[in-house]
């Protein structure tokens, strides 16, 4: 059991948990490689992506409510959310 962080209600026993990502950030993945000319270690970019910064637990009803909101309402919820 868990508490839906949008509706503030307890879930029923066995009810599916939905994780909702509300904040991400860019990420650059690097690898240390030895430069053969200078014989020093250097960071070389091997990939780019993103990582999850914040996610919340929501029920099916909370997810429906989230999807019905406009982008301004979502931004306001995220700004006011303290979890």
C-alpha atoms as a PDB file:
ATOM      1  CA  UNK A   1       0.000   0.000   0.000  1.00  0.00           C
ATOM      2  CA  UNK A   2       1.080   3.554  -0.657  1.00  0.00           C
ATOM      3  CA  UNK A   3      -0.246   7.114  -0.641  1.00  0.00           C
ATOM      4  CA  UNK A   4      -0.984   8.715  -4.010  1.00  0.00           C
ATOM      5  CA  UNK A   5       0.938  11.990  -3.997  1.00  0.00           C
ATOM      6  CA  UNK A   6      -1.608  13.728  -6.225  1.00  0.00           C
ATOM      7  CA  UNK A   7      -4.934  12.644  -4.688  1.00  0.00           C
ATOM      8  CA  UNK A   8      -3.471  12.147  -1.155  1.00  0.00           C
ATOM      9  CA  UNK A   9      -5.427   8.884  -0.768  1.00  0.00           C
ATOM     10  CA  UNK A  10      -4.241   5.481   0.385  1.00  0.00           C
ATOM     11  CA  UNK A  11      -4.184   2.799  -2.265  1.00  0.00           C
ATOM     12  CA  UNK A  12      -6.121  -0.414  -2.050  1.00  0.00           C
ATOM     13  CA  UNK A  13      -4.267  -3.603  -1.248  1.00  0.00           C
ATOM     14  CA  UNK A  14      -2.656  -4.937  -4.451  1.00  0.00           C
ATOM     15  CA  UNK A  15      -3.295  -1.757  -6.462  1.00  0.00           C
ATOM     16  CA  UNK A  16      -0.625  -0.992  -9.073  1.00  0.00           C
ATOM     17  CA  UNK A  17       1.914   1.727  -8.272  1.00  0.00           C
ATOM     18  CA  UNK A  18       2.699   4.227 -11.033  1.00  0.00           C
ATOM     19  CA  UNK A  19       5.945   6.205 -10.917  1.00  0.00           C
ATOM     20  CA  UNK A  20       5.589   9.649 -12.501  1.00  0.00           C
ATOM     21  CA  UNK A  21       8.785  11.508 -13.454  1.00  0.00           C
ATOM     22  CA  UNK A  22       8.435  15.209 -12.660  1.00  0.00           C
ATOM     23  CA  UNK A  23      12.045  16.391 -13.035  1.00  0.00           C
ATOM     24  CA  UNK A  24      15.037  15.325 -15.151  1.00  0.00           C
ATOM     25  CA  UNK A  25      18.462  16.748 -15.941  1.00  0.00           C
ATOM     26  CA  UNK A  26      20.917  16.355 -18.794  1.00  0.00           C
ATOM     27  CA  UNK A  27      23.842  14.034 -18.242  1.00  0.00           C
ATOM     28  CA  UNK A  28      27.163  13.643 -20.061  1.00  0.00           C
ATOM     29  CA  UNK A  29      28.915  10.282 -19.677  1.00  0.00           C
ATOM     30  CA  UNK A  30      32.709  10.308 -19.872  1.00  0.00           C
ATOM     31  CA  UNK A  31      35.546   7.829 -19.822  1.00  0.00           C
ATOM     32  CA  UNK A  32      39.189   8.327 -18.799  1.00  0.00           C
ATOM     33  CA  UNK A  33      41.564   7.684 -21.697  1.00  0.00           C
ATOM     34  CA  UNK A  34      45.330   8.089 -21.734  1.00  0.00           C
ATOM     35  CA  UNK A  35      46.569  10.545 -24.365  1.00  0.00           C
ATOM     36  CA  UNK A  36      49.488   8.834 -26.130  1.00  0.00           C
ATOM     37  CA  UNK A  37      51.192  12.129 -27.075  1.00  0.00           C
ATOM     38  CA  UNK A  38      51.144  13.795 -23.649  1.00  0.00           C
ATOM     39  CA  UNK A  39      50.946  10.575 -21.590  1.00  0.00           C
ATOM     40  CA  UNK A  40      48.189  12.129 -19.433  1.00  0.00           C
ATOM     41  CA  UNK A  41      44.685  10.940 -18.600  1.00  0.00           C
ATOM     42  CA  UNK A  42      41.876  12.862 -20.294  1.00  0.00           C
ATOM     43  CA  UNK A  43      38.086  12.715 -20.059  1.00  0.00           C
ATOM     44  CA  UNK A  44      36.463  11.718 -23.352  1.00  0.00           C
ATOM     45  CA  UNK A  45      32.720  12.017 -23.891  1.00  0.00           C
ATOM     46  CA  UNK A  46      31.187   8.643 -24.694  1.00  0.00           C
ATOM     47  CA  UNK A  47      27.507   9.513 -24.495  1.00  0.00           C
ATOM     48  CA  UNK A  48      24.748  11.954 -23.617  1.00  0.00           C
ATOM     49  CA  UNK A  49      21.393  11.393 -22.030  1.00  0.00           C
ATOM     50  CA  UNK A  50      19.269  12.347 -19.067  1.00  0.00           C
ATOM     51  CA  UNK A  51      18.669  11.112 -15.560  1.00  0.00           C
ATOM     52  CA  UNK A  52      15.695  11.223 -13.232  1.00  0.00           C
ATOM     53  CA  UNK A  53      15.935  13.848 -10.515  1.00  0.00           C
ATOM     54  CA  UNK A  54      12.484  13.504  -8.968  1.00  0.00           C
ATOM     55  CA  UNK A  55       9.579  11.101  -9.318  1.00  0.00           C
ATOM     56  CA  UNK A  56       6.351  10.635  -7.397  1.00  0.00           C
ATOM     57  CA  UNK A  57       4.080   7.687  -6.565  1.00  0.00           C
ATOM     58  CA  UNK A  58       0.615   7.960  -8.070  1.00  0.00           C
ATOM     59  CA  UNK A  59      -2.423   5.716  -8.337  1.00  0.00           C
ATOM     60  CA  UNK A  60      -4.389   5.134 -11.534  1.00  0.00           C
ATOM     61  CA  UNK A  61      -6.782   7.930 -10.521  1.00  0.00           C
ATOM     62  CA  UNK A  62      -3.862  10.266  -9.810  1.00  0.00           C
ATOM     63  CA  UNK A  63      -2.357   9.475 -13.208  1.00  0.00           C
ATOM     64  CA  UNK A  64      -5.669  10.234 -14.930  1.00  0.00           C
ATOM     65  CA  UNK A  65      -5.873  13.521 -13.044  1.00  0.00           C
ATOM     66  CA  UNK A  66      -2.262  14.396 -14.036  1.00  0.00           C
ATOM     67  CA  UNK A  67      -2.979  13.675 -17.705  1.00  0.00           C
ATOM     68  CA  UNK A  68      -6.091  15.885 -17.630  1.00  0.00           C
ATOM     69  CA  UNK A  69      -4.130  18.925 -16.402  1.00  0.00           C
ATOM     70  CA  UNK A  70      -2.716  21.617 -18.684  1.00  0.00           C
ATOM     71  CA  UNK A  71       1.027  22.277 -18.706  1.00  0.00           C
ATOM     72  CA  UNK A  72       0.536  25.358 -16.487  1.00  0.00           C
ATOM     73  CA  UNK A  73      -1.317  23.274 -13.882  1.00  0.00           C
ATOM     74  CA  UNK A  74       1.434  20.632 -13.956  1.00  0.00           C
ATOM     75  CA  UNK A  75       4.124  23.296 -13.512  1.00  0.00           C
ATOM     76  CA  UNK A  76       2.213  24.822 -10.578  1.00  0.00           C
ATOM     77  CA  UNK A  77       1.860  21.391  -8.911  1.00  0.00           C
ATOM     78  CA  UNK A  78       5.572  20.674  -9.323  1.00  0.00           C
ATOM     79  CA  UNK A  79       6.488  24.093  -7.924  1.00  0.00           C
ATOM     80  CA  UNK A  80       4.272  23.591  -4.860  1.00  0.00           C
ATOM     81  CA  UNK A  81       5.066  19.880  -4.358  1.00  0.00           C
ATOM     82  CA  UNK A  82       7.013  18.984  -1.257  1.00  0.00           C
ATOM     83  CA  UNK A  83       7.421  15.232  -1.001  1.00  0.00           C
END
